[in-house]
Amino acid sequence: MKIIDTLVERFKKEFDTNDSVEVFFAPGRVNLIGEHIDYNGGKVFPCALDFGTYAVVKKRKDKTFRMFSENFKSLGIVEFSLSDLCYKLSDDWANYPKGVIKTFLDSNFNIDFGFDILFFGNIPNGAGLSSSASIEVLTAVVLKHLFNLDISMVEMVKLSQKAENEFIGVNCGIMDQFSIGMGKKNHAILLDCNTLDYSYAPFILKDSSIIIANTNKRRGLGDSKYNERRSSCEEALSDLRNNGVKITSLCDMDNTSFEKYKHFIKSEEAQIRAQHAVTENYRVSEAMKSLKNGDLENFGSLMNQSHISLRDNYEVTGWELDSLVQAAWEEDGVIGSRMTGAGFGGCTVSLVKNNCIDNFVQNVGDKYKEKTGLEATFYIGNPGDGARKLGDF
């Protein structure tokens, strides 16, 4: 509770008030397995984390919103009104919550007053753990409680994604917002991003933890490379369908049928991209079974196989991610390790025995720096609950 007490005190000082406030939280998320298959009809397997973004809020009696972030103190309080909810470059990070407010209003929810709000996130910005989606879903939960809105978490997730797509202008999928909103302690979520069908799998780590390692490498090629990979998959799908294979997406195929029909894919590059999609989807279903059986060792093996496929078939890892994962694989107590997210930088996710964590962080960090010249940053987490109100203070 110490962090909450500190943030409440900071809010009261920043906004010059002694009134009672409400405190909310939304987690970060990590995708455990199932990379680059959501747009190929496959399923993802994320979990919410036990660290994320906090908000301290007090409703106002006028139409003004005042927002302050502990993560961007130098920008001071960002202020705007209910009648002027437009994207402004100068409002920087505050465009994310602003976009959610506008999206709720556009969906005919009654928001008739403004509020003062202080945000603090312990999710590293730009690390691929969804700090932007966390603040969006957090804002949605704030709106629901402050204005007594009749809205489900799934609808809040959809509106949060819509805000990022249409207000911010980033064409993200729904996995980030969904796993942040629908997270469940000690569980992972098997999610079909196209239908939003989902189920939970017990993710009991017992004597282990999730270690996220940030490469701290700036992404430069992400968008163009992503589009190339997606185009190759579309090409493979077209070749298969044109030759009578009755599928609507690559992930409609299992490994056996892919081997039977892959010769129809004309381009060798498109063939190996498709192979990743099909085999990764299989790994996701096997990962679900492993967790249900409490078999963390097999789950870890599937994580390793996922990284190898992303490295060799989809070619989205790069020197830095490969160096971090290779170093992880060499350490005692590592159950599994892989890149997570879009690739070309960002983070790895590893499952590590708790009694080996200190050595893991030290040794992997040293090897990575020696190889790349970069300092990795490590975060220890566990599967946590989704976005929620924490209480009145």
Protein backbone atom coordinates (compact mmCIF):
# COMPACT_ATOMS: atom_id res chain seq x y z
CA MET A 1 0.00 0.00 0.00
CA LYS A 2 3.00 2.29 0.35
CA ILE A 3 2.92 3.18 -3.36
CA ILE A 4 -0.76 4.15 -3.10
CA ASP A 5 -0.19 6.34 -0.02
CA THR A 6 2.67 8.09 -1.82
CA LEU A 7 0.58 8.70 -4.96
CA VAL A 8 -2.42 9.97 -2.96
CA GLU A 9 -0.15 12.41 -1.11
CA ARG A 10 1.38 13.51 -4.42
CA PHE A 11 -2.09 14.04 -5.93
CA LYS A 12 -3.23 16.20 -3.03
CA LYS A 13 -0.11 18.32 -3.29
CA GLU A 14 -0.24 18.64 -7.12
CA PHE A 15 -3.94 19.53 -7.20
CA ASP A 16 -3.97 21.43 -3.89
CA THR A 17 -6.76 19.50 -2.18
CA ASN A 18 -7.47 17.53 0.99
CA ASP A 19 -10.63 15.87 -0.35
CA SER A 20 -11.01 12.10 -0.56
CA VAL A 21 -9.92 10.43 -3.80
CA GLU A 22 -10.43 7.17 -5.67
CA VAL A 23 -7.54 4.93 -6.74
CA PHE A 24 -7.51 2.61 -9.76
CA PHE A 25 -5.02 0.20 -11.37
CA ALA A 26 -4.51 -1.42 -14.77
CA PRO A 27 -1.74 -3.96 -15.38
CA GLY A 28 0.79 -4.31 -18.14
CA ARG A 29 0.71 -7.49 -20.19
CA VAL A 30 3.07 -9.94 -21.82
CA ASN A 31 2.32 -12.39 -24.60
CA LEU A 32 3.68 -15.74 -23.41
CA ILE A 33 3.45 -17.51 -26.78
CA GLY A 34 1.62 -17.05 -30.08
CA GLU A 35 3.52 -14.34 -31.94
CA HIS A 36 2.63 -12.94 -35.37
CA ILE A 37 -0.35 -15.25 -35.82
CA ASP A 38 -3.28 -13.09 -34.72
CA TYR A 39 -3.60 -11.75 -38.28
CA ASN A 40 -3.27 -15.29 -39.64
CA GLY A 41 -6.34 -16.59 -37.81
CA GLY A 42 -4.35 -17.92 -34.86
CA LYS A 43 -4.70 -17.50 -31.13
CA VAL A 44 -2.55 -15.54 -28.70
CA PHE A 45 -1.72 -16.52 -25.13
CA PRO A 46 -1.04 -13.44 -22.98
CA CYS A 47 -1.29 -12.79 -19.27
CA ALA A 48 -1.74 -9.60 -17.28
CA LEU A 49 1.20 -8.71 -15.02
CA ASP A 50 1.25 -7.64 -11.39
CA PHE A 51 2.77 -4.26 -12.24
CA GLY A 52 1.18 -1.56 -14.35
CA THR A 53 -0.42 1.89 -14.15
CA TYR A 54 -2.06 3.59 -11.18
CA ALA A 55 -4.54 6.47 -11.25
CA VAL A 56 -5.61 8.75 -8.38
CA VAL A 57 -8.81 10.62 -9.29
CA LYS A 58 -11.18 13.26 -7.97
CA LYS A 59 -14.32 14.27 -9.85
CA ARG A 60 -14.76 17.98 -10.56
CA LYS A 61 -17.92 20.13 -10.62
CA ASP A 62 -17.08 21.77 -13.95
CA LYS A 63 -16.22 20.51 -17.45
CA THR A 64 -12.43 20.67 -17.05
CA PHE A 65 -9.97 17.77 -17.08
CA ARG A 66 -6.58 18.21 -15.43
CA MET A 67 -4.06 15.41 -15.88
CA PHE A 68 -0.62 14.89 -14.38
CA SER A 69 1.81 12.00 -14.89
CA GLU A 70 4.57 11.09 -12.45
CA ASN A 71 6.34 9.58 -15.47
CA PHE A 72 6.37 12.88 -17.37
CA LYS A 73 6.69 15.42 -14.58
CA SER A 74 8.41 18.01 -16.77
CA LEU A 75 5.22 18.40 -18.82
CA GLY A 76 3.30 19.52 -15.74
CA ILE A 77 -0.50 19.44 -15.62
CA VAL A 78 -2.20 18.96 -19.01
CA GLU A 79 -5.57 20.69 -19.04
CA PHE A 80 -8.46 20.50 -21.51
CA SER A 81 -12.24 20.78 -21.48
CA LEU A 82 -15.13 18.44 -22.23
CA SER A 83 -16.01 20.57 -25.25
CA ASP A 84 -12.50 20.40 -26.75
CA LEU A 85 -11.50 16.74 -26.95
CA CYS A 86 -9.22 16.89 -29.97
CA TYR A 87 -5.78 15.38 -30.53
CA LYS A 88 -3.00 17.85 -29.74
CA LEU A 89 0.66 17.01 -30.19
CA SER A 90 1.53 19.30 -27.27
CA ASP A 91 -0.67 17.22 -24.95
CA ASP A 92 1.73 14.31 -25.48
CA TRP A 93 0.86 11.26 -23.29
CA ALA A 94 -2.49 12.81 -22.22
CA ASN A 95 -3.89 12.14 -25.70
CA TYR A 96 -4.37 8.49 -24.65
CA PRO A 97 -6.84 9.11 -21.80
CA LYS A 98 -8.33 12.02 -23.75
CA GLY A 99 -9.01 9.70 -26.71
CA VAL A 100 -10.80 7.21 -24.44
CA ILE A 101 -13.02 9.98 -23.00
CA LYS A 102 -13.94 11.13 -26.51
CA THR A 103 -14.62 7.57 -27.68
CA PHE A 104 -16.98 7.01 -24.71
CA LEU A 105 -18.80 10.26 -25.48
CA ASP A 106 -19.07 9.33 -29.18
CA SER A 107 -20.62 6.03 -28.06
CA ASN A 108 -23.35 7.98 -26.22
CA PHE A 109 -22.13 7.45 -22.67
CA ASN A 110 -22.99 10.31 -20.34
CA ILE A 111 -19.85 12.05 -19.11
CA ASP A 112 -21.03 15.42 -17.84
CA PHE A 113 -18.15 16.61 -15.64
CA GLY A 114 -14.39 16.67 -15.73
CA PHE A 115 -11.92 15.31 -13.18
CA ASP A 116 -8.43 15.74 -11.81
CA ILE A 117 -6.24 12.67 -12.27
CA LEU A 118 -2.68 11.66 -11.46
CA PHE A 119 -1.12 8.72 -13.29
CA PHE A 120 1.92 6.67 -12.38
CA GLY A 121 3.14 3.66 -14.33
CA ASN A 122 5.90 1.22 -13.50
CA ILE A 123 5.67 -0.34 -16.98
CA PRO A 124 8.74 0.67 -19.02
CA ASN A 125 7.66 2.93 -21.90
CA GLY A 126 8.45 1.53 -25.34
CA ALA A 127 9.38 -1.91 -24.02
CA GLY A 128 6.48 -3.73 -25.66
CA LEU A 129 4.55 -4.35 -22.44
CA SER A 130 1.65 -2.10 -23.46
CA SER A 131 1.96 1.01 -21.34
CA SER A 132 -0.37 2.82 -23.78
CA ALA A 133 -3.09 0.13 -23.62
CA SER A 134 -2.75 0.08 -19.82
CA ILE A 135 -3.51 3.80 -19.52
CA GLU A 136 -6.40 3.45 -22.01
CA VAL A 137 -8.15 0.60 -20.17
CA LEU A 138 -7.41 2.32 -16.85
CA THR A 139 -9.17 5.47 -18.09
CA ALA A 140 -12.15 3.36 -19.22
CA VAL A 141 -12.48 1.83 -15.73
CA VAL A 142 -12.23 5.31 -14.17
CA LEU A 143 -15.05 6.55 -16.42
CA LYS A 144 -17.26 3.55 -15.58
CA HIS A 145 -16.94 4.14 -11.81
CA LEU A 146 -17.02 7.94 -11.73
CA PHE A 147 -20.09 8.21 -13.94
CA ASN A 148 -21.86 4.95 -13.00
CA LEU A 149 -21.81 3.73 -16.59
CA ASP A 150 -23.54 0.51 -17.57
CA ILE A 151 -20.75 -1.08 -19.59
CA SER A 152 -19.01 -4.47 -19.52
CA MET A 153 -15.25 -4.96 -19.41
CA VAL A 154 -15.26 -6.42 -22.94
CA GLU A 155 -17.00 -3.28 -24.24
CA MET A 156 -14.48 -1.08 -22.40
CA VAL A 157 -11.69 -3.10 -24.03
CA LYS A 158 -13.21 -2.51 -27.47
CA LEU A 159 -13.61 1.23 -26.89
CA SER A 160 -10.02 1.47 -25.61
CA GLN A 161 -8.75 -0.19 -28.79
CA LYS A 162 -10.97 2.10 -30.88
CA ALA A 163 -9.46 5.15 -29.15
CA GLU A 164 -5.95 4.02 -30.06
CA ASN A 165 -6.95 3.17 -33.65
CA GLU A 166 -8.99 6.27 -34.43
CA PHE A 167 -7.91 9.01 -32.01
CA ILE A 168 -4.21 8.20 -31.64
CA GLY A 169 -3.94 6.74 -35.16
CA VAL A 170 -2.12 3.51 -34.26
CA ASN A 171 -3.58 0.43 -35.96
CA CYS A 172 -3.10 -1.97 -33.03
CA GLY A 173 -4.95 -5.25 -32.56
CA ILE A 174 -7.08 -5.97 -29.53
CA MET A 175 -4.80 -8.35 -27.60
CA ASP A 176 -3.18 -5.66 -25.44
CA GLN A 177 -6.38 -4.03 -24.22
CA PHE A 178 -8.13 -7.40 -23.84
CA SER A 179 -5.49 -9.01 -21.66
CA ILE A 180 -5.19 -5.85 -19.53
CA GLY A 181 -8.94 -5.63 -19.00
CA MET A 182 -9.69 -9.35 -18.68
CA GLY A 183 -6.56 -10.50 -16.82
CA LYS A 184 -6.97 -12.99 -13.99
CA LYS A 185 -4.47 -13.66 -11.22
CA ASN A 186 -2.46 -16.86 -11.75
CA HIS A 187 -4.01 -17.41 -15.18
CA ALA A 188 -3.13 -16.90 -18.83
CA ILE A 189 -5.74 -16.12 -21.50
CA LEU A 190 -6.17 -18.11 -24.71
CA LEU A 191 -7.68 -15.51 -27.05
CA ASP A 192 -8.93 -15.54 -30.62
CA CYS A 193 -8.41 -11.89 -31.58
CA ASN A 194 -10.86 -12.15 -34.47
CA THR A 195 -13.88 -13.55 -32.62
CA LEU A 196 -12.87 -12.56 -29.05
CA ASP A 197 -13.57 -16.13 -27.95
CA TYR A 198 -11.39 -16.73 -24.92
CA SER A 199 -10.69 -19.14 -22.10
CA TYR A 200 -8.41 -19.10 -19.06
CA ALA A 201 -5.64 -21.56 -18.25
CA PRO A 202 -4.17 -21.85 -14.75
CA PHE A 203 -0.68 -20.34 -14.78
CA ILE A 204 0.63 -21.32 -11.36
CA LEU A 205 4.33 -20.53 -11.18
CA LYS A 206 4.91 -21.82 -7.60
CA ASP A 207 8.69 -21.48 -7.22
CA SER A 208 9.24 -19.55 -10.49
CA SER A 209 8.63 -16.06 -11.89
CA ILE A 210 8.24 -14.27 -15.20
CA ILE A 211 11.37 -12.29 -16.07
CA ILE A 212 11.02 -9.70 -18.80
CA ALA A 213 14.26 -8.38 -20.26
CA ASN A 214 14.26 -5.21 -22.35
CA THR A 215 16.93 -5.11 -25.08
CA ASN A 216 16.88 -1.29 -24.92
CA LYS A 217 17.40 -1.33 -28.66
CA ARG A 218 15.51 1.32 -30.58
CA ARG A 219 13.20 -0.15 -33.16
CA GLY A 220 13.80 1.31 -36.62
CA LEU A 221 12.53 -1.19 -39.16
CA GLY A 222 9.41 -2.49 -37.43
CA ASP A 223 6.57 -1.18 -39.59
CA SER A 224 7.99 -1.96 -43.02
CA LYS A 225 9.24 -5.42 -41.95
CA TYR A 226 5.88 -6.18 -40.33
CA ASN A 227 4.07 -5.29 -43.56
CA GLU A 228 6.45 -7.49 -45.56
CA ARG A 229 5.77 -10.49 -43.29
CA ARG A 230 2.04 -9.95 -43.46
CA SER A 231 2.15 -9.68 -47.23
CA SER A 232 4.09 -12.97 -47.48
CA CYS A 233 1.43 -14.72 -45.40
CA GLU A 234 -1.34 -13.32 -47.61
CA GLU A 235 0.57 -14.54 -50.67
CA ALA A 236 0.88 -18.04 -49.16
CA LEU A 237 -2.82 -18.13 -48.30
CA SER A 238 -3.76 -17.05 -51.82
CA ASP A 239 -1.57 -19.76 -53.41
CA LEU A 240 -3.12 -22.44 -51.21
CA ARG A 241 -6.70 -21.33 -51.85
CA ASN A 242 -6.09 -21.01 -55.59
CA ASN A 243 -5.06 -24.67 -55.56
CA GLY A 244 -8.24 -25.88 -53.90
CA VAL A 245 -7.15 -25.90 -50.25
CA LYS A 246 -10.36 -25.00 -48.40
CA ILE A 247 -9.16 -22.60 -45.69
CA THR A 248 -9.98 -19.03 -44.74
CA SER A 249 -6.70 -18.39 -42.89
CA LEU A 250 -3.30 -20.06 -42.56
CA CYS A 251 -4.06 -21.13 -39.02
CA ASP A 252 -7.00 -23.22 -40.22
CA MET A 253 -4.32 -25.77 -41.16
CA ASP A 254 -2.60 -28.19 -38.82
CA ASN A 255 1.02 -29.24 -39.22
CA THR A 256 0.14 -32.37 -41.22
CA SER A 257 -2.05 -30.60 -43.78
CA PHE A 258 0.54 -27.84 -44.17
CA GLU A 259 3.22 -30.41 -45.02
CA LYS A 260 0.81 -31.96 -47.52
CA TYR A 261 -0.03 -28.71 -49.33
CA LYS A 262 2.96 -26.40 -48.80
CA HIS A 263 4.31 -27.17 -52.30
CA PHE A 264 1.47 -25.02 -53.67
CA ILE A 265 3.13 -21.93 -52.17
CA LYS A 266 5.30 -20.60 -54.99
CA SER A 267 7.69 -18.38 -53.05
CA GLU A 268 10.16 -20.06 -50.70
CA GLU A 269 10.02 -17.01 -48.45
CA ALA A 270 6.22 -17.10 -48.27
CA GLN A 271 6.43 -20.82 -47.48
CA ILE A 272 8.65 -20.42 -44.43
CA ARG A 273 6.57 -17.46 -43.18
CA ALA A 274 3.45 -19.63 -43.46
CA GLN A 275 5.25 -22.48 -41.71
CA HIS A 276 5.83 -20.24 -38.71
CA ALA A 277 2.15 -19.28 -38.57
CA VAL A 278 0.91 -22.88 -38.71
CA THR A 279 3.43 -24.32 -36.26
CA GLU A 280 3.12 -21.40 -33.83
CA ASN A 281 -0.63 -21.89 -33.69
CA TYR A 282 -0.03 -25.56 -32.86
CA ARG A 283 2.41 -24.52 -30.11
CA VAL A 284 -0.24 -22.25 -28.59
CA SER A 285 -2.77 -25.10 -28.32
CA GLU A 286 -0.07 -27.37 -26.84
CA ALA A 287 0.87 -24.59 -24.39
CA MET A 288 -2.74 -24.45 -23.19
CA LYS A 289 -2.72 -28.21 -22.59
CA SER A 290 0.62 -27.98 -20.76
CA LEU A 291 -0.67 -25.38 -18.31
CA LYS A 292 -3.88 -27.30 -17.68
CA ASN A 293 -1.72 -30.31 -16.83
CA GLY A 294 0.59 -28.21 -14.66
CA ASP A 295 3.51 -29.06 -16.97
CA LEU A 296 5.64 -25.90 -16.88
CA GLU A 297 8.66 -27.74 -18.32
CA ASN A 298 6.83 -28.54 -21.56
CA PHE A 299 5.45 -25.00 -21.65
CA GLY A 300 9.04 -23.73 -21.44
CA SER A 301 10.13 -26.03 -24.25
CA LEU A 302 7.33 -24.63 -26.45
CA MET A 303 8.54 -21.08 -25.67
CA ASN A 304 12.03 -22.05 -26.87
CA GLN A 305 10.63 -23.59 -30.07
CA SER A 306 8.58 -20.43 -30.65
CA HIS A 307 11.70 -18.26 -30.53
CA ILE A 308 13.57 -20.54 -32.94
CA SER A 309 10.69 -20.31 -35.44
CA LEU A 310 10.49 -16.52 -35.05
CA ARG A 311 14.25 -16.36 -35.61
CA ASP A 312 14.62 -18.81 -38.52
CA ASN A 313 11.24 -18.83 -40.30
CA TYR A 314 9.68 -15.46 -39.59
CA GLU A 315 13.00 -13.62 -39.17
CA VAL A 316 11.75 -10.96 -36.77
CA THR A 317 14.17 -11.39 -33.88
CA GLY A 318 17.47 -9.69 -34.68
CA TRP A 319 20.89 -9.70 -33.05
CA GLU A 320 19.86 -8.18 -29.73
CA LEU A 321 16.85 -10.41 -29.01
CA ASP A 322 18.75 -13.52 -30.10
CA SER A 323 21.66 -12.58 -27.83
CA LEU A 324 19.39 -12.16 -24.82
CA VAL A 325 17.52 -15.43 -25.45
CA GLN A 326 20.73 -17.39 -26.10
CA ALA A 327 22.20 -16.11 -22.85
CA ALA A 328 18.99 -17.08 -21.03
CA TRP A 329 19.06 -20.60 -22.45
CA GLU A 330 22.56 -21.07 -21.02
CA GLU A 331 21.50 -20.27 -17.43
CA ASP A 332 20.53 -22.71 -14.68
CA GLY A 333 16.91 -22.51 -13.58
CA VAL A 334 15.56 -21.25 -16.91
CA ILE A 335 12.38 -23.13 -17.88
CA GLY A 336 11.97 -21.33 -21.21
CA SER A 337 12.78 -18.06 -22.97
CA ARG A 338 11.65 -16.31 -26.14
CA MET A 339 11.18 -12.92 -27.73
CA THR A 340 7.79 -11.34 -27.11
CA GLY A 341 6.00 -8.67 -29.11
CA ALA A 342 6.61 -7.48 -32.65
CA GLY A 343 10.36 -8.13 -32.65
CA PHE A 344 13.34 -6.15 -34.02
CA GLY A 345 14.01 -5.00 -30.47
CA GLY A 346 11.72 -4.84 -27.48
CA CYS A 347 11.66 -7.60 -24.90
CA THR A 348 12.21 -11.25 -24.12
CA VAL A 349 10.08 -13.22 -21.68
CA SER A 350 11.61 -16.02 -19.61
CA LEU A 351 10.33 -18.36 -16.92
CA VAL A 352 13.00 -18.66 -14.23
CA LYS A 353 13.23 -20.54 -10.94
CA ASN A 354 13.12 -18.04 -8.08
CA ASN A 355 16.35 -19.27 -6.49
CA CYS A 356 18.19 -18.60 -9.77
CA ILE A 357 16.83 -15.11 -10.52
CA ASP A 358 19.76 -13.13 -9.10
CA ASN A 359 22.32 -15.14 -11.08
CA PHE A 360 20.10 -15.00 -14.16
CA VAL A 361 19.88 -11.20 -14.12
CA GLN A 362 23.61 -10.79 -13.45
CA ASN A 363 24.88 -13.35 -15.97
CA VAL A 364 22.44 -12.66 -18.80
CA GLY A 365 23.01 -8.91 -18.36
CA ASP A 366 26.79 -9.34 -18.48
CA LYS A 367 26.75 -11.62 -21.54
CA TYR A 368 24.33 -9.34 -23.37
CA LYS A 369 26.41 -6.23 -22.71
CA GLU A 370 29.61 -7.99 -23.75
CA LYS A 371 28.02 -9.13 -27.00
CA THR A 372 26.01 -6.03 -27.99
CA GLY A 373 27.37 -3.13 -25.97
CA LEU A 374 23.85 -2.48 -24.64
CA GLU A 375 22.53 -2.65 -21.07
CA ALA A 376 19.46 -4.85 -20.68
CA THR A 377 16.81 -3.93 -18.12
CA PHE A 378 15.06 -6.70 -16.17
CA TYR A 379 11.56 -6.80 -14.66
CA ILE A 380 10.22 -9.54 -12.40
CA GLY A 381 6.51 -10.23 -12.54
CA ASN A 382 3.71 -12.72 -12.00
CA PRO A 383 0.31 -13.26 -13.63
CA GLY A 384 -2.01 -10.62 -12.16
CA ASP A 385 -5.62 -9.44 -12.20
CA GLY A 386 -7.06 -7.10 -14.81
CA ALA A 387 -7.92 -3.39 -14.53
CA ARG A 388 -9.93 -2.46 -11.44
CA LYS A 389 -10.73 0.05 -8.70
CA LEU A 390 -8.47 -0.34 -5.66
CA GLY A 391 -10.47 1.79 -3.24
CA ASP A 392 -11.33 5.18 -1.74
CA PHE A 393 -8.66 7.09 0.16
